[in-house]
Amino acid sequence: MKILLMALVVSMGMAAGSIYDFKVDGLTGGTINFSDFKGKKILVVNTASKCGFTHQYEGLEQLYEKYKDKLVIVGFPANNFMSQEPGSNDQIAEFCKKNYGVSFPMAKKISVKGSDTAPIYKYLIAEAAKKGIKDPIKWNFTKFLIDENGNLVTVFPSKVEPMSEELLKYLN
């Protein structure tokens, strides 16, 4: 009964108890189940294909390849900032694979800001607020780092490159 209630709460966009309560649709099908990532760090990133930070896909892929034994990256394409992710899910998948060889999990396109914010991002924003980080998503490629126990560690703004020392210090 508790599991059924939690699924209802999550599907209705209400606050979940943990990042591990979320399941999201994958960009090319299937489901990304965050409970599968227990024991690893998780880096959640809102992405866009036509942004000045789009080159970060390359660094995200390098980061994923180097640390995939202890880190999962989940990309969330979003069109919230100046229509910089106008494509369909199929177009986004093709762009990511062709241009950057993205192999880390990518979710279907969602909204990360505004009245239609996806439940997982409502959760992340609420967790950031608990740490005193208000309005954490200013642009594409904002990065939420979650520890091995499902707790938000910090939020990195767009300008922080995936392979930067600022981020890597949490992985070494």
Protein backbone atom coordinates (compact mmCIF):
# COMPACT_ATOMS: atom_id res chain seq x y z
CA MET A 1 0.00 0.00 0.00
CA LYS A 2 2.85 2.38 0.90
CA ILE A 3 4.51 1.78 -2.50
CA LEU A 4 1.25 2.41 -4.31
CA LEU A 5 0.71 5.63 -2.37
CA MET A 6 4.28 6.81 -3.10
CA ALA A 7 3.79 6.08 -6.82
CA LEU A 8 0.60 8.13 -6.75
CA VAL A 9 2.32 11.00 -4.94
CA VAL A 10 5.21 11.03 -7.43
CA SER A 11 2.95 10.75 -10.49
CA MET A 12 0.84 13.65 -9.27
CA GLY A 13 3.93 15.84 -9.01
CA MET A 14 3.91 16.05 -5.24
CA ALA A 15 7.08 15.92 -3.20
CA ALA A 16 8.79 12.55 -3.19
CA GLY A 17 10.63 11.28 -0.17
CA SER A 18 13.82 10.52 -2.06
CA ILE A 19 15.45 10.80 -5.48
CA TYR A 20 15.13 7.01 -5.55
CA ASP A 21 11.33 7.34 -5.76
CA PHE A 22 11.54 8.69 -9.31
CA LYS A 23 11.12 6.84 -12.58
CA VAL A 24 11.25 8.88 -15.79
CA ASP A 25 10.80 8.04 -19.44
CA GLY A 26 14.04 7.50 -21.33
CA LEU A 27 14.79 9.60 -24.41
CA THR A 28 14.81 6.58 -26.73
CA GLY A 29 12.32 4.46 -24.80
CA GLY A 30 12.32 2.50 -21.60
CA THR A 31 12.36 3.87 -18.09
CA ILE A 32 15.13 5.44 -16.06
CA ASN A 33 14.59 4.19 -12.51
CA PHE A 34 16.59 6.25 -10.03
CA SER A 35 16.44 3.45 -7.44
CA ASP A 36 18.82 1.55 -9.74
CA PHE A 37 21.49 4.16 -8.90
CA LYS A 38 21.63 3.54 -5.12
CA GLY A 39 25.25 3.46 -3.99
CA LYS A 40 26.45 5.75 -6.80
CA LYS A 41 26.64 9.51 -7.09
CA ILE A 42 24.13 10.99 -9.55
CA LEU A 43 24.64 14.13 -11.62
CA VAL A 44 21.34 15.46 -12.98
CA VAL A 45 21.75 18.00 -15.79
CA ASN A 46 19.20 19.98 -17.80
CA THR A 47 20.49 20.03 -21.37
CA ALA A 48 19.86 21.84 -24.66
CA SER A 49 21.17 21.32 -28.20
CA LYS A 50 21.38 24.97 -29.29
CA CYS A 51 22.99 26.61 -26.27
CA GLY A 52 26.34 28.24 -25.69
CA PHE A 53 26.97 25.46 -23.14
CA THR A 54 26.02 22.58 -25.49
CA HIS A 55 29.71 21.70 -25.82
CA GLN A 56 29.44 20.43 -22.24
CA TYR A 57 27.92 17.21 -23.61
CA GLU A 58 31.51 16.30 -24.50
CA GLY A 59 32.73 16.88 -20.94
CA LEU A 60 29.72 15.09 -19.47
CA GLU A 61 30.50 12.05 -21.62
CA GLN A 62 34.17 12.15 -20.55
CA LEU A 63 33.10 12.42 -16.91
CA TYR A 64 30.68 9.52 -17.30
CA GLU A 65 33.27 7.29 -18.98
CA LYS A 66 35.92 8.06 -16.38
CA TYR A 67 33.74 7.66 -13.28
CA LYS A 68 30.87 5.38 -14.37
CA ASP A 69 31.79 2.84 -11.69
CA LYS A 70 30.71 5.40 -9.06
CA LEU A 71 28.75 8.09 -10.97
CA VAL A 72 25.65 8.14 -13.13
CA ILE A 73 24.82 11.18 -15.23
CA VAL A 74 21.20 11.71 -16.25
CA GLY A 75 20.49 14.36 -18.87
CA PHE A 76 17.11 16.08 -19.09
CA PRO A 77 16.59 17.97 -22.34
CA ALA A 78 14.50 21.08 -21.69
CA ASN A 79 13.32 23.97 -23.84
CA ASN A 80 12.91 26.50 -21.03
CA PHE A 81 15.55 29.02 -22.02
CA MET A 82 15.22 30.95 -25.29
CA SER A 83 13.89 27.87 -27.13
CA GLN A 84 17.36 26.30 -27.18
CA GLU A 85 15.98 22.74 -27.26
CA PRO A 86 13.32 22.90 -29.98
CA GLY A 87 13.75 19.34 -31.31
CA SER A 88 11.70 16.22 -30.77
CA ASN A 89 12.98 13.43 -28.53
CA ASP A 90 14.18 11.52 -31.62
CA GLN A 91 16.01 14.59 -32.96
CA ILE A 92 17.65 15.21 -29.58
CA ALA A 93 18.78 11.58 -29.32
CA GLU A 94 20.27 11.69 -32.81
CA PHE A 95 22.02 15.02 -32.11
CA CYS A 96 23.55 13.77 -28.84
CA LYS A 97 24.79 10.48 -30.31
CA LYS A 98 26.06 11.92 -33.61
CA ASN A 99 27.79 15.01 -32.23
CA TYR A 100 28.95 13.92 -28.78
CA GLY A 101 28.67 10.12 -28.56
CA VAL A 102 26.47 10.45 -25.49
CA SER A 103 26.10 7.10 -23.74
CA PHE A 104 24.88 8.23 -20.32
CA PRO A 105 21.13 8.02 -19.64
CA MET A 106 19.02 10.75 -21.22
CA ALA A 107 15.39 11.35 -20.28
CA LYS A 108 12.61 12.53 -22.54
CA LYS A 109 12.32 16.28 -22.94
CA ILE A 110 10.71 17.95 -19.92
CA SER A 111 10.26 21.37 -18.37
CA VAL A 112 12.67 22.34 -15.57
CA LYS A 113 11.20 25.73 -14.71
CA GLY A 114 7.79 27.38 -14.61
CA SER A 115 4.26 26.18 -14.03
CA ASP A 116 4.85 22.91 -15.90
CA THR A 117 8.06 21.91 -14.08
CA ALA A 118 8.52 18.12 -14.07
CA PRO A 119 8.09 16.40 -10.69
CA ILE A 120 11.75 15.36 -10.45
CA TYR A 121 12.84 18.97 -10.92
CA LYS A 122 10.29 20.18 -8.36
CA TYR A 123 11.94 17.74 -5.97
CA LEU A 124 15.50 18.88 -6.85
CA ILE A 125 14.55 22.55 -6.50
CA ALA A 126 12.99 21.84 -3.08
CA GLU A 127 16.11 19.96 -1.97
CA ALA A 128 18.31 22.86 -3.13
CA ALA A 129 16.11 25.30 -1.17
CA LYS A 130 16.72 23.22 2.00
CA LYS A 131 20.43 23.92 1.47
CA GLY A 132 19.78 27.64 1.03
CA ILE A 133 20.09 27.53 -2.77
CA LYS A 134 17.14 29.52 -4.04
CA ASP A 135 16.08 29.42 -7.70
CA PRO A 136 18.98 27.12 -8.66
CA ILE A 137 18.15 26.75 -12.36
CA LYS A 138 19.20 29.92 -14.11
CA TRP A 139 20.03 28.35 -17.49
CA ASN A 140 20.74 25.14 -19.39
CA PHE A 141 23.39 22.76 -18.06
CA THR A 142 22.72 23.38 -14.37
CA LYS A 143 24.07 20.34 -12.53
CA PHE A 144 22.63 18.77 -9.37
CA LEU A 145 25.06 16.42 -7.60
CA ILE A 146 23.51 13.74 -5.40
CA ASP A 147 25.59 11.51 -3.14
CA GLU A 148 25.56 7.70 -2.86
CA ASN A 149 22.77 7.86 -0.28
CA GLY A 150 20.44 10.01 -2.37
CA ASN A 151 21.19 13.34 -0.69
CA LEU A 152 21.75 16.53 -2.66
CA VAL A 153 25.37 17.61 -2.21
CA THR A 154 25.39 20.82 -4.23
CA VAL A 155 24.25 22.56 -7.40
CA PHE A 156 26.67 23.74 -10.05
CA PRO A 157 25.68 26.60 -12.34
CA SER A 158 25.94 26.30 -16.12
CA LYS A 159 29.40 27.83 -16.32
CA VAL A 160 30.96 25.00 -14.26
CA GLU A 161 32.44 22.58 -16.79
CA PRO A 162 31.89 18.86 -16.16
CA MET A 163 35.64 18.08 -16.00
CA SER A 164 36.47 21.12 -13.83
CA GLU A 165 38.26 20.75 -10.51
CA GLU A 166 35.26 22.41 -8.87
CA LEU A 167 33.16 19.38 -9.76
CA LEU A 168 35.85 16.67 -9.78
CA LYS A 169 36.76 17.30 -6.14
CA TYR A 170 33.50 15.60 -5.20
CA LEU A 171 34.43 12.46 -7.16
CA ASN A 172 38.08 11.88 -6.26
